[in-house]
């Protein structure tokens, strides 16, 4: 569906009008602005200021302006959200700030990604290609890589050390070929390549848009190890100061919560309550393990009861996820 939208955007008659955009002193051909993308989404899908669907209320012209002399109103959140999804999946990439795949509703220039780099093509993002990209960037920036790129560069240097001469040779050859192109074309190719690797090798803590379905990782549950510099300790001090002013739960209420939690999970703890048909920790019978394998055909009663505790219990169980997906397909919500 997203790729059909991109094809509609590039339609010569009904799509976004492409024109030359200036990036500092460099002219970028066949580009568009963030405002152009947002405006096209608003007109194509009749998105109002409140992000309502067609029929709820009629839009009042471009970006909901009531008068041509009025100040520009902020873009509807629904159109910005939709545009951000397109950019985060790499179908449109920014030229002004290529390090972040974010749609800005202003005059920032953007371009369409070539279909060769679309996620549907499943072009394998191999370690060798990523190493060549990092080596090329390392040569061009004289070692001034971002922190996570330095870590990946050093890791790949150790992992594929036997082919590192080939990696450096390819990187230098590509840089030599890039010098023969116009400056505008070099900027476009660099931003295009960086957008592809931001999608396929996202920075630590950033969501991976290639992971689909309930089995994907939760980026909020994984903590990123920050460099302990002056800014880090300033943030820690500010956090502790704010924490001191927060209202806290009474100890009695907190203990009641712990007791309820333990009472709920005690019957499901094989050590505390025992397990049937026999305890595999003190016997040689492994029937209990066989009954609770991740892909067993018929789940046990205790396992199904645990799914009802909270949504996380259901999603962390592979069998629970499979049952949920079967249910969603019956309700025509599988996608």
C-alpha atoms as a PDB file:
ATOM      1  CA  UNK A   1       0.000   0.000   0.000  1.00  0.00           C
ATOM      2  CA  UNK A   2       2.826   2.411   0.832  1.00  0.00           C
ATOM      3  CA  UNK A   3       4.548   1.733  -2.475  1.00  0.00           C
ATOM      4  CA  UNK A   4       1.292   2.311  -4.391  1.00  0.00           C
ATOM      5  CA  UNK A   5       1.111   5.693  -2.642  1.00  0.00           C
ATOM      6  CA  UNK A   6       4.696   6.481  -3.739  1.00  0.00           C
ATOM      7  CA  UNK A   7       3.829   5.592  -7.345  1.00  0.00           C
ATOM      8  CA  UNK A   8       0.802   7.934  -7.144  1.00  0.00           C
ATOM      9  CA  UNK A   9       3.026  10.702  -5.786  1.00  0.00           C
ATOM     10  CA  UNK A  10       5.310  10.362  -8.836  1.00  0.00           C
ATOM     11  CA  UNK A  11       2.448  10.500 -11.332  1.00  0.00           C
ATOM     12  CA  UNK A  12       3.304  13.248 -13.876  1.00  0.00           C
ATOM     13  CA  UNK A  13      -0.264  14.634 -13.887  1.00  0.00           C
ATOM     14  CA  UNK A  14      -1.748  14.011 -10.416  1.00  0.00           C
ATOM     15  CA  UNK A  15       1.443  13.595  -8.384  1.00  0.00           C
ATOM     16  CA  UNK A  16       3.802  16.027  -6.670  1.00  0.00           C
ATOM     17  CA  UNK A  17       5.320  18.577  -9.006  1.00  0.00           C
ATOM     18  CA  UNK A  18       9.089  18.101  -9.040  1.00  0.00           C
ATOM     19  CA  UNK A  19      11.383  21.095  -9.481  1.00  0.00           C
ATOM     20  CA  UNK A  20      14.906  22.239  -8.739  1.00  0.00           C
ATOM     21  CA  UNK A  21      15.601  22.899  -5.047  1.00  0.00           C
ATOM     22  CA  UNK A  22      18.527  24.890  -3.708  1.00  0.00           C
ATOM     23  CA  UNK A  23      20.625  23.366  -0.925  1.00  0.00           C
ATOM     24  CA  UNK A  24      22.922  26.195   0.194  1.00  0.00           C
ATOM     25  CA  UNK A  25      24.587  27.073  -3.138  1.00  0.00           C
ATOM     26  CA  UNK A  26      23.987  23.697  -4.818  1.00  0.00           C
ATOM     27  CA  UNK A  27      20.960  23.120  -7.067  1.00  0.00           C
ATOM     28  CA  UNK A  28      19.339  19.700  -6.610  1.00  0.00           C
ATOM     29  CA  UNK A  29      17.210  18.619  -9.608  1.00  0.00           C
ATOM     30  CA  UNK A  30      13.906  16.724  -9.408  1.00  0.00           C
ATOM     31  CA  UNK A  31      13.311  17.475  -5.732  1.00  0.00           C
ATOM     32  CA  UNK A  32      10.353  18.591  -3.607  1.00  0.00           C
ATOM     33  CA  UNK A  33       9.825  20.217  -0.228  1.00  0.00           C
ATOM     34  CA  UNK A  34       8.273  18.867   2.948  1.00  0.00           C
ATOM     35  CA  UNK A  35       5.363  21.259   2.400  1.00  0.00           C
ATOM     36  CA  UNK A  36       4.747  19.740  -1.044  1.00  0.00           C
ATOM     37  CA  UNK A  37       4.512  16.238   0.454  1.00  0.00           C
ATOM     38  CA  UNK A  38       2.143  17.303   3.258  1.00  0.00           C
ATOM     39  CA  UNK A  39      -0.042  19.318   0.891  1.00  0.00           C
ATOM     40  CA  UNK A  40      -0.335  16.394  -1.546  1.00  0.00           C
ATOM     41  CA  UNK A  41      -1.344  14.006   1.270  1.00  0.00           C
ATOM     42  CA  UNK A  42      -3.975  16.483   2.538  1.00  0.00           C
ATOM     43  CA  UNK A  43      -5.506  16.934  -0.911  1.00  0.00           C
ATOM     44  CA  UNK A  44      -5.251  13.262  -1.939  1.00  0.00           C
ATOM     45  CA  UNK A  45      -6.850  11.830   1.214  1.00  0.00           C
ATOM     46  CA  UNK A  46      -8.959  14.874   2.230  1.00  0.00           C
ATOM     47  CA  UNK A  47      -7.311  15.205   5.633  1.00  0.00           C
ATOM     48  CA  UNK A  48      -8.757  18.038   7.723  1.00  0.00           C
ATOM     49  CA  UNK A  49      -7.011  20.068  10.433  1.00  0.00           C
ATOM     50  CA  UNK A  50      -8.052  17.573  13.085  1.00  0.00           C
ATOM     51  CA  UNK A  51      -6.909  14.638  10.951  1.00  0.00           C
ATOM     52  CA  UNK A  52     -10.502  13.499  10.348  1.00  0.00           C
ATOM     53  CA  UNK A  53     -11.601  11.217   7.557  1.00  0.00           C
ATOM     54  CA  UNK A  54     -13.524  12.453   4.496  1.00  0.00           C
ATOM     55  CA  UNK A  55     -17.115  13.313   5.321  1.00  0.00           C
ATOM     56  CA  UNK A  56     -16.442  14.443   8.902  1.00  0.00           C
ATOM     57  CA  UNK A  57     -15.618  18.016   7.937  1.00  0.00           C
ATOM     58  CA  UNK A  58     -14.523  19.662   4.728  1.00  0.00           C
ATOM     59  CA  UNK A  59     -10.945  20.988   4.583  1.00  0.00           C
ATOM     60  CA  UNK A  60     -10.591  24.723   4.280  1.00  0.00           C
ATOM     61  CA  UNK A  61      -8.084  24.932   1.477  1.00  0.00           C
ATOM     62  CA  UNK A  62      -4.354  24.434   1.652  1.00  0.00           C
ATOM     63  CA  UNK A  63      -3.299  23.342   5.144  1.00  0.00           C
ATOM     64  CA  UNK A  64      -6.660  24.556   6.485  1.00  0.00           C
ATOM     65  CA  UNK A  65      -6.084  28.269   5.824  1.00  0.00           C
ATOM     66  CA  UNK A  66      -9.187  30.420   5.993  1.00  0.00           C
ATOM     67  CA  UNK A  67      -7.588  33.470   4.334  1.00  0.00           C
ATOM     68  CA  UNK A  68      -4.717  33.880   1.870  1.00  0.00           C
ATOM     69  CA  UNK A  69      -3.283  36.599   4.137  1.00  0.00           C
ATOM     70  CA  UNK A  70      -3.434  34.493   7.302  1.00  0.00           C
ATOM     71  CA  UNK A  71      -0.287  33.045   8.843  1.00  0.00           C
ATOM     72  CA  UNK A  72       0.481  29.437   7.786  1.00  0.00           C
ATOM     73  CA  UNK A  73      -1.307  26.993  10.062  1.00  0.00           C
ATOM     74  CA  UNK A  74       0.479  23.882  11.308  1.00  0.00           C
ATOM     75  CA  UNK A  75      -0.006  20.784   9.201  1.00  0.00           C
ATOM     76  CA  UNK A  76      -2.659  18.287  10.383  1.00  0.00           C
ATOM     77  CA  UNK A  77      -1.044  15.674  12.623  1.00  0.00           C
ATOM     78  CA  UNK A  78      -2.492  12.848  10.515  1.00  0.00           C
ATOM     79  CA  UNK A  79      -0.759  14.046   7.344  1.00  0.00           C
ATOM     80  CA  UNK A  80       2.550  14.540   9.181  1.00  0.00           C
ATOM     81  CA  UNK A  81       2.271  11.082  10.734  1.00  0.00           C
ATOM     82  CA  UNK A  82       1.600   9.486   7.354  1.00  0.00           C
ATOM     83  CA  UNK A  83       4.458  11.402   5.743  1.00  0.00           C
ATOM     84  CA  UNK A  84       6.828  10.438   8.561  1.00  0.00           C
ATOM     85  CA  UNK A  85       6.001   6.759   8.047  1.00  0.00           C
ATOM     86  CA  UNK A  86       6.898   7.066   4.360  1.00  0.00           C
ATOM     87  CA  UNK A  87      10.206   8.770   5.194  1.00  0.00           C
ATOM     88  CA  UNK A  88      11.077   6.330   8.012  1.00  0.00           C
ATOM     89  CA  UNK A  89      10.586   3.400   5.610  1.00  0.00           C
ATOM     90  CA  UNK A  90      13.079   5.024   3.230  1.00  0.00           C
ATOM     91  CA  UNK A  91      10.760   5.706   0.271  1.00  0.00           C
ATOM     92  CA  UNK A  92      11.518   9.443   0.545  1.00  0.00           C
ATOM     93  CA  UNK A  93      14.803  10.723   1.933  1.00  0.00           C
ATOM     94  CA  UNK A  94      15.855  14.181   3.194  1.00  0.00           C
ATOM     95  CA  UNK A  95      18.647  16.199   1.610  1.00  0.00           C
ATOM     96  CA  UNK A  96      19.087  18.893   4.261  1.00  0.00           C
ATOM     97  CA  UNK A  97      19.525  16.653   7.334  1.00  0.00           C
ATOM     98  CA  UNK A  98      20.200  13.132   5.980  1.00  0.00           C
ATOM     99  CA  UNK A  99      21.115  11.732   9.418  1.00  0.00           C
ATOM    100  CA  UNK A 100      17.473  11.702  10.571  1.00  0.00           C
ATOM    101  CA  UNK A 101      14.610  10.230   8.551  1.00  0.00           C
ATOM    102  CA  UNK A 102      11.998  12.783   9.604  1.00  0.00           C
ATOM    103  CA  UNK A 103       9.484  14.736   7.526  1.00  0.00           C
ATOM    104  CA  UNK A 104       9.470  18.475   8.229  1.00  0.00           C
ATOM    105  CA  UNK A 105       6.529  20.517   6.949  1.00  0.00           C
ATOM    106  CA  UNK A 106       8.699  23.370   5.665  1.00  0.00           C
ATOM    107  CA  UNK A 107      10.920  24.152   2.683  1.00  0.00           C
ATOM    108  CA  UNK A 108      13.422  21.356   3.455  1.00  0.00           C
ATOM    109  CA  UNK A 109      14.224  19.461   0.212  1.00  0.00           C
ATOM    110  CA  UNK A 110      13.391  15.762  -0.243  1.00  0.00           C
ATOM    111  CA  UNK A 111      13.713  13.240  -3.051  1.00  0.00           C
ATOM    112  CA  UNK A 112      12.135   9.912  -3.938  1.00  0.00           C
ATOM    113  CA  UNK A 113      14.250   6.845  -3.258  1.00  0.00           C
ATOM    114  CA  UNK A 114      15.081   4.774  -6.326  1.00  0.00           C
ATOM    115  CA  UNK A 115      12.975   1.557  -6.495  1.00  0.00           C
ATOM    116  CA  UNK A 116      16.195  -0.491  -6.335  1.00  0.00           C
ATOM    117  CA  UNK A 117      16.472   0.435  -2.635  1.00  0.00           C
ATOM    118  CA  UNK A 118      12.804  -0.165  -1.755  1.00  0.00           C
ATOM    119  CA  UNK A 119      12.227  -2.610   1.091  1.00  0.00           C
ATOM    120  CA  UNK A 120       9.990  -4.812  -1.100  1.00  0.00           C
ATOM    121  CA  UNK A 121      12.936  -5.694  -3.358  1.00  0.00           C
ATOM    122  CA  UNK A 122      14.565  -7.399  -0.344  1.00  0.00           C
ATOM    123  CA  UNK A 123      18.022  -6.431  -1.607  1.00  0.00           C
ATOM    124  CA  UNK A 124      20.311  -8.151   0.918  1.00  0.00           C
ATOM    125  CA  UNK A 125      22.058  -5.646   3.177  1.00  0.00           C
ATOM    126  CA  UNK A 126      25.207  -7.713   3.597  1.00  0.00           C
ATOM    127  CA  UNK A 127      28.020  -6.993   6.026  1.00  0.00           C
ATOM    128  CA  UNK A 128      30.421  -6.540   3.115  1.00  0.00           C
ATOM    129  CA  UNK A 129      28.295  -3.777   1.541  1.00  0.00           C
ATOM    130  CA  UNK A 130      27.875  -2.076   4.920  1.00  0.00           C
ATOM    131  CA  UNK A 131      31.635  -2.283   5.526  1.00  0.00           C
ATOM    132  CA  UNK A 132      32.320  -0.648   2.135  1.00  0.00           C
ATOM    133  CA  UNK A 133      29.835   2.125   2.963  1.00  0.00           C
ATOM    134  CA  UNK A 134      31.457   2.773   6.363  1.00  0.00           C
ATOM    135  CA  UNK A 135      34.975   2.612   4.928  1.00  0.00           C
ATOM    136  CA  UNK A 136      34.013   5.107   2.223  1.00  0.00           C
ATOM    137  CA  UNK A 137      32.482   7.427   4.813  1.00  0.00           C
ATOM    138  CA  UNK A 138      35.507   7.011   7.083  1.00  0.00           C
ATOM    139  CA  UNK A 139      37.904   8.005   4.277  1.00  0.00           C
ATOM    140  CA  UNK A 140      35.775  10.977   3.229  1.00  0.00           C
ATOM    141  CA  UNK A 141      35.327  12.296   6.776  1.00  0.00           C
ATOM    142  CA  UNK A 142      38.890  11.365   7.840  1.00  0.00           C
ATOM    143  CA  UNK A 143      37.720   9.112  10.681  1.00  0.00           C
ATOM    144  CA  UNK A 144      35.020  11.470  11.991  1.00  0.00           C
ATOM    145  CA  UNK A 145      32.213   8.886  12.177  1.00  0.00           C
ATOM    146  CA  UNK A 146      29.212   8.878  14.510  1.00  0.00           C
ATOM    147  CA  UNK A 147      29.722   6.843  17.710  1.00  0.00           C
ATOM    148  CA  UNK A 148      27.635   3.823  16.662  1.00  0.00           C
ATOM    149  CA  UNK A 149      29.191   3.877  13.178  1.00  0.00           C
ATOM    150  CA  UNK A 150      32.669   3.766  14.739  1.00  0.00           C
ATOM    151  CA  UNK A 151      31.627   0.733  16.793  1.00  0.00           C
ATOM    152  CA  UNK A 152      30.200  -1.012  13.712  1.00  0.00           C
ATOM    153  CA  UNK A 153      33.297  -0.108  11.681  1.00  0.00           C
ATOM    154  CA  UNK A 154      35.641  -1.614  14.279  1.00  0.00           C
ATOM    155  CA  UNK A 155      33.428  -4.687  14.685  1.00  0.00           C
ATOM    156  CA  UNK A 156      33.307  -5.332  10.937  1.00  0.00           C
ATOM    157  CA  UNK A 157      37.056  -4.741  10.691  1.00  0.00           C
ATOM    158  CA  UNK A 158      37.593  -7.618  13.121  1.00  0.00           C
ATOM    159  CA  UNK A 159      34.876  -9.867  11.707  1.00  0.00           C
ATOM    160  CA  UNK A 160      35.818  -9.680   8.006  1.00  0.00           C
ATOM    161  CA  UNK A 161      39.477  -8.841   8.432  1.00  0.00           C
ATOM    162  CA  UNK A 162      40.421 -11.383   5.749  1.00  0.00           C
ATOM    163  CA  UNK A 163      38.654  -9.290   3.057  1.00  0.00           C
ATOM    164  CA  UNK A 164      39.401  -5.817   4.436  1.00  0.00           C
ATOM    165  CA  UNK A 165      41.853  -4.977   1.642  1.00  0.00           C
ATOM    166  CA  UNK A 166      39.008  -5.567  -0.840  1.00  0.00           C
ATOM    167  CA  UNK A 167      36.689  -3.351   1.260  1.00  0.00           C
ATOM    168  CA  UNK A 168      39.143  -0.422   1.265  1.00  0.00           C
ATOM    169  CA  UNK A 169      39.872  -0.872  -2.447  1.00  0.00           C
ATOM    170  CA  UNK A 170      36.142  -0.776  -3.307  1.00  0.00           C
ATOM    171  CA  UNK A 171      35.590   2.273  -1.075  1.00  0.00           C
ATOM    172  CA  UNK A 172      38.422   4.221  -2.741  1.00  0.00           C
ATOM    173  CA  UNK A 173      37.240   3.231  -6.212  1.00  0.00           C
ATOM    174  CA  UNK A 174      33.714   4.449  -5.485  1.00  0.00           C
ATOM    175  CA  UNK A 175      35.063   7.745  -4.098  1.00  0.00           C
ATOM    176  CA  UNK A 176      37.213   8.157  -7.204  1.00  0.00           C
ATOM    177  CA  UNK A 177      34.184   7.620  -9.429  1.00  0.00           C
ATOM    178  CA  UNK A 178      32.107  10.057  -7.343  1.00  0.00           C
ATOM    179  CA  UNK A 179      34.628  12.884  -7.922  1.00  0.00           C
ATOM    180  CA  UNK A 180      33.804  12.781 -11.656  1.00  0.00           C
ATOM    181  CA  UNK A 181      30.122  13.567 -10.990  1.00  0.00           C
ATOM    182  CA  UNK A 182      28.552  16.980 -10.459  1.00  0.00           C
ATOM    183  CA  UNK A 183      28.297  18.180  -6.858  1.00  0.00           C
ATOM    184  CA  UNK A 184      24.499  17.959  -6.874  1.00  0.00           C
ATOM    185  CA  UNK A 185      24.602  14.334  -8.030  1.00  0.00           C
ATOM    186  CA  UNK A 186      27.186  13.492  -5.343  1.00  0.00           C
ATOM    187  CA  UNK A 187      24.949  14.937  -2.621  1.00  0.00           C
ATOM    188  CA  UNK A 188      21.939  12.998  -3.922  1.00  0.00           C
ATOM    189  CA  UNK A 189      23.819   9.679  -4.054  1.00  0.00           C
ATOM    190  CA  UNK A 190      25.315  10.171  -0.575  1.00  0.00           C
ATOM    191  CA  UNK A 191      21.900  10.995   0.962  1.00  0.00           C
ATOM    192  CA  UNK A 192      20.282   8.134  -0.924  1.00  0.00           C
ATOM    193  CA  UNK A 193      22.830   5.623   0.359  1.00  0.00           C
ATOM    194  CA  UNK A 194      22.700   6.981   3.914  1.00  0.00           C
ATOM    195  CA  UNK A 195      18.888   6.699   3.957  1.00  0.00           C
ATOM    196  CA  UNK A 196      19.120   3.064   2.848  1.00  0.00           C
ATOM    197  CA  UNK A 197      21.512   2.161   5.662  1.00  0.00           C
ATOM    198  CA  UNK A 198      19.498   4.099   8.260  1.00  0.00           C
ATOM    199  CA  UNK A 199      16.582   1.805   7.384  1.00  0.00           C
ATOM    200  CA  UNK A 200      18.595  -1.425   7.228  1.00  0.00           C
ATOM    201  CA  UNK A 201      21.101  -0.643  10.024  1.00  0.00           C
ATOM    202  CA  UNK A 202      19.220   1.717  12.384  1.00  0.00           C
ATOM    203  CA  UNK A 203      21.163   3.456  15.183  1.00  0.00           C
ATOM    204  CA  UNK A 204      20.946   1.997  18.720  1.00  0.00           C
ATOM    205  CA  UNK A 205      17.587   2.722  20.317  1.00  0.00           C
ATOM    206  CA  UNK A 206      15.875   3.592  17.016  1.00  0.00           C
ATOM    207  CA  UNK A 207      12.946   1.393  15.905  1.00  0.00           C
ATOM    208  CA  UNK A 208      13.649  -1.041  13.089  1.00  0.00           C
ATOM    209  CA  UNK A 209      10.873  -0.568  10.513  1.00  0.00           C
ATOM    210  CA  UNK A 210      11.846  -3.842   8.806  1.00  0.00           C
ATOM    211  CA  UNK A 211      10.681  -5.842  11.832  1.00  0.00           C
ATOM    212  CA  UNK A 212       7.012  -6.587  11.282  1.00  0.00           C
ATOM    213  CA  UNK A 213       4.293  -8.111  13.443  1.00  0.00           C
ATOM    214  CA  UNK A 214       3.961  -8.582  17.201  1.00  0.00           C
ATOM    215  CA  UNK A 215       7.306 -10.411  17.404  1.00  0.00           C
ATOM    216  CA  UNK A 216       9.296  -7.228  16.698  1.00  0.00           C
ATOM    217  CA  UNK A 217      11.527  -5.774  19.380  1.00  0.00           C
ATOM    218  CA  UNK A 218      10.345  -2.999  21.645  1.00  0.00           C
ATOM    219  CA  UNK A 219      12.847  -0.145  21.249  1.00  0.00           C
ATOM    220  CA  UNK A 220      11.748   1.358  24.583  1.00  0.00           C
ATOM    221  CA  UNK A 221      12.671  -1.794  26.465  1.00  0.00           C
ATOM    222  CA  UNK A 222      16.296  -1.768  25.290  1.00  0.00           C
ATOM    223  CA  UNK A 223      18.502   0.794  26.990  1.00  0.00           C
ATOM    224  CA  UNK A 224      21.221   2.482  24.997  1.00  0.00           C
ATOM    225  CA  UNK A 225      24.631   2.774  26.636  1.00  0.00           C
ATOM    226  CA  UNK A 226      25.522   6.476  26.501  1.00  0.00           C
ATOM    227  CA  UNK A 227      29.026   7.909  26.632  1.00  0.00           C
ATOM    228  CA  UNK A 228      29.658   9.167  30.169  1.00  0.00           C
ATOM    229  CA  UNK A 229      30.783  12.699  29.369  1.00  0.00           C
ATOM    230  CA  UNK A 230      29.821  16.064  30.872  1.00  0.00           C
ATOM    231  CA  UNK A 231      26.440  16.143  29.088  1.00  0.00           C
ATOM    232  CA  UNK A 232      25.624  12.668  30.390  1.00  0.00           C
ATOM    233  CA  UNK A 233      26.192  13.660  34.024  1.00  0.00           C
ATOM    234  CA  UNK A 234      24.270  16.912  33.559  1.00  0.00           C
ATOM    235  CA  UNK A 235      21.271  14.894  32.373  1.00  0.00           C
ATOM    236  CA  UNK A 236      21.653  12.526  35.317  1.00  0.00           C
ATOM    237  CA  UNK A 237      21.738  15.437  37.799  1.00  0.00           C
ATOM    238  CA  UNK A 238      18.675  17.038  36.190  1.00  0.00           C
ATOM    239  CA  UNK A 239      16.825  13.716  36.283  1.00  0.00           C
ATOM    240  CA  UNK A 240      17.618  13.208  39.997  1.00  0.00           C
ATOM    241  CA  UNK A 241      16.464  16.749  40.830  1.00  0.00           C
ATOM    242  CA  UNK A 242      13.145  16.198  39.095  1.00  0.00           C
ATOM    243  CA  UNK A 243      12.794  12.786  40.742  1.00  0.00           C
ATOM    244  CA  UNK A 244      13.072  14.380  44.196  1.00  0.00           C
ATOM    245  CA  UNK A 245      10.015  16.570  43.535  1.00  0.00           C
ATOM    246  CA  UNK A 246       7.802  13.758  42.216  1.00  0.00           C
ATOM    247  CA  UNK A 247       5.003  12.334  44.352  1.00  0.00           C
ATOM    248  CA  UNK A 248       5.665   8.786  45.463  1.00  0.00           C
ATOM    249  CA  UNK A 249       3.363   5.852  46.138  1.00  0.00           C
ATOM    250  CA  UNK A 250       2.939   4.936  49.797  1.00  0.00           C
ATOM    251  CA  UNK A 251       4.882   1.881  50.934  1.00  0.00           C
ATOM    252  CA  UNK A 252       1.675   0.134  52.051  1.00  0.00           C
ATOM    253  CA  UNK A 253       0.075   0.534  48.600  1.00  0.00           C
ATOM    254  CA  UNK A 254       3.294  -0.569  46.899  1.00  0.00           C
ATOM    255  CA  UNK A 255       3.527  -3.689  49.097  1.00  0.00           C
ATOM    256  CA  UNK A 256      -0.118  -4.535  48.374  1.00  0.00           C
ATOM    257  CA  UNK A 257       0.712  -4.445  44.671  1.00  0.00           C
ATOM    258  CA  UNK A 258       3.647  -6.805  45.176  1.00  0.00           C
ATOM    259  CA  UNK A 259       1.457  -9.206  47.186  1.00  0.00           C
ATOM    260  CA  UNK A 260      -1.259  -9.239  44.511  1.00  0.00           C
ATOM    261  CA  UNK A 261       1.345  -9.833  41.823  1.00  0.00           C
ATOM    262  CA  UNK A 262       2.865 -12.750  43.732  1.00  0.00           C
ATOM    263  CA  UNK A 263      -0.532 -14.264  44.498  1.00  0.00           C
ATOM    264  CA  UNK A 264      -1.393 -14.088  40.808  1.00  0.00           C
ATOM    265  CA  UNK A 265       1.809 -15.783  39.637  1.00  0.00           C
ATOM    266  CA  UNK A 266       2.320 -18.369  42.414  1.00  0.00           C
ATOM    267  CA  UNK A 267       0.083 -21.054  40.771  1.00  0.00           C
ATOM    268  CA  UNK A 268       2.134 -20.653  37.587  1.00  0.00           C
ATOM    269  CA  UNK A 269       5.510 -21.098  39.301  1.00  0.00           C
ATOM    270  CA  UNK A 270       6.581 -24.762  39.003  1.00  0.00           C
ATOM    271  CA  UNK A 271       9.070 -24.397  41.863  1.00  0.00           C
ATOM    272  CA  UNK A 272       6.617 -22.845  44.344  1.00  0.00           C
ATOM    273  CA  UNK A 273       3.460 -24.788  43.428  1.00  0.00           C
ATOM    274  CA  UNK A 274       4.825 -27.899  41.758  1.00  0.00           C
ATOM    275  CA  UNK A 275       3.976 -29.095  38.277  1.00  0.00           C
ATOM    276  CA  UNK A 276       2.252 -32.021  36.601  1.00  0.00           C
ATOM    277  CA  UNK A 277       2.746 -34.773  35.597  1.00  0.00           C
ATOM    278  CA  UNK A 278       6.140 -34.665  37.379  1.00  0.00           C
ATOM    279  CA  UNK A 279       8.800 -32.162  38.324  1.00  0.00           C
ATOM    280  CA  UNK A 280      11.672 -32.329  35.778  1.00  0.00           C
ATOM    281  CA  UNK A 281      14.012 -30.564  38.226  1.00  0.00           C
ATOM    282  CA  UNK A 282      13.987 -33.514  40.628  1.00  0.00           C
ATOM    283  CA  UNK A 283      13.087 -36.403  38.275  1.00  0.00           C
ATOM    284  CA  UNK A 284      14.222 -37.628  34.870  1.00  0.00           C
ATOM    285  CA  UNK A 285      10.765 -37.211  33.347  1.00  0.00           C
ATOM    286  CA  UNK A 286      10.815 -34.436  30.697  1.00  0.00           C
ATOM    287  CA  UNK A 287       7.088 -34.507  29.911  1.00  0.00           C
ATOM    288  CA  UNK A 288       6.648 -31.074  31.481  1.00  0.00           C
ATOM    289  CA  UNK A 289       9.165 -29.557  29.032  1.00  0.00           C
ATOM    290  CA  UNK A 290       7.447 -31.263  26.088  1.00  0.00           C
ATOM    291  CA  UNK A 291       4.031 -29.903  27.151  1.00  0.00           C
ATOM    292  CA  UNK A 292       5.372 -26.328  27.334  1.00  0.00           C
ATOM    293  CA  UNK A 293       7.488 -26.089  24.192  1.00  0.00           C
ATOM    294  CA  UNK A 294       7.028 -22.807  22.261  1.00  0.00           C
ATOM    295  CA  UNK A 295       5.357 -24.521  19.285  1.00  0.00           C
ATOM    296  CA  UNK A 296       3.241 -27.184  21.031  1.00  0.00           C
ATOM    297  CA  UNK A 297      -0.079 -27.912  19.291  1.00  0.00           C
ATOM    298  CA  UNK A 298      -2.288 -27.790  22.404  1.00  0.00           C
ATOM    299  CA  UNK A 299      -1.321 -25.331  25.183  1.00  0.00           C
ATOM    300  CA  UNK A 300      -1.878 -26.196  28.835  1.00  0.00           C
ATOM    301  CA  UNK A 301      -4.628 -24.573  30.900  1.00  0.00           C
ATOM    302  CA  UNK A 302      -2.144 -22.616  33.038  1.00  0.00           C
ATOM    303  CA  UNK A 303      -0.432 -21.286  29.920  1.00  0.00           C
ATOM    304  CA  UNK A 304      -3.697 -19.980  28.478  1.00  0.00           C
ATOM    305  CA  UNK A 305      -4.679 -18.444  31.826  1.00  0.00           C
ATOM    306  CA  UNK A 306      -1.387 -16.542  31.866  1.00  0.00           C
ATOM    307  CA  UNK A 307      -2.266 -14.889  28.557  1.00  0.00           C
ATOM    308  CA  UNK A 308      -5.152 -13.204  30.344  1.00  0.00           C
ATOM    309  CA  UNK A 309      -2.894 -11.452  32.887  1.00  0.00           C
ATOM    310  CA  UNK A 310      -1.782  -8.726  30.477  1.00  0.00           C
ATOM    311  CA  UNK A 311      -1.058  -8.135  26.804  1.00  0.00           C
ATOM    312  CA  UNK A 312       2.711  -8.546  27.265  1.00  0.00           C
ATOM    313  CA  UNK A 313       2.234 -12.141  28.472  1.00  0.00           C
ATOM    314  CA  UNK A 314       0.312 -12.896  25.280  1.00  0.00           C
ATOM    315  CA  UNK A 315       2.859 -11.273  22.957  1.00  0.00           C
ATOM    316  CA  UNK A 316       5.949 -12.772  24.622  1.00  0.00           C
ATOM    317  CA  UNK A 317       4.579 -16.300  24.159  1.00  0.00           C
ATOM    318  CA  UNK A 318       5.148 -17.538  20.547  1.00  0.00           C
ATOM    319  CA  UNK A 319       2.010 -19.679  20.736  1.00  0.00           C
ATOM    320  CA  UNK A 320       0.016 -16.721  22.084  1.00  0.00           C
ATOM    321  CA  UNK A 321       1.182 -14.544  19.186  1.00  0.00           C
ATOM    322  CA  UNK A 322       0.164 -17.235  16.710  1.00  0.00           C
ATOM    323  CA  UNK A 323      -3.296 -17.474  18.282  1.00  0.00           C
ATOM    324  CA  UNK A 324      -3.637 -13.662  18.213  1.00  0.00           C
ATOM    325  CA  UNK A 325      -2.675 -13.491  14.532  1.00  0.00           C
ATOM    326  CA  UNK A 326      -5.215 -16.214  13.676  1.00  0.00           C
ATOM    327  CA  UNK A 327      -7.891 -14.220  15.478  1.00  0.00           C
ATOM    328  CA  UNK A 328      -6.932 -10.972  13.708  1.00  0.00           C
ATOM    329  CA  UNK A 329      -7.089 -12.680  10.295  1.00  0.00           C
ATOM    330  CA  UNK A 330     -10.642 -13.792  11.059  1.00  0.00           C
ATOM    331  CA  UNK A 331     -11.516 -10.180  11.905  1.00  0.00           C
ATOM    332  CA  UNK A 332      -9.814  -8.946   8.661  1.00  0.00           C
ATOM    333  CA  UNK A 333      -7.154  -7.163  10.729  1.00  0.00           C
ATOM    334  CA  UNK A 334      -4.178  -9.435  10.055  1.00  0.00           C
ATOM    335  CA  UNK A 335      -2.109  -6.692   8.409  1.00  0.00           C
END
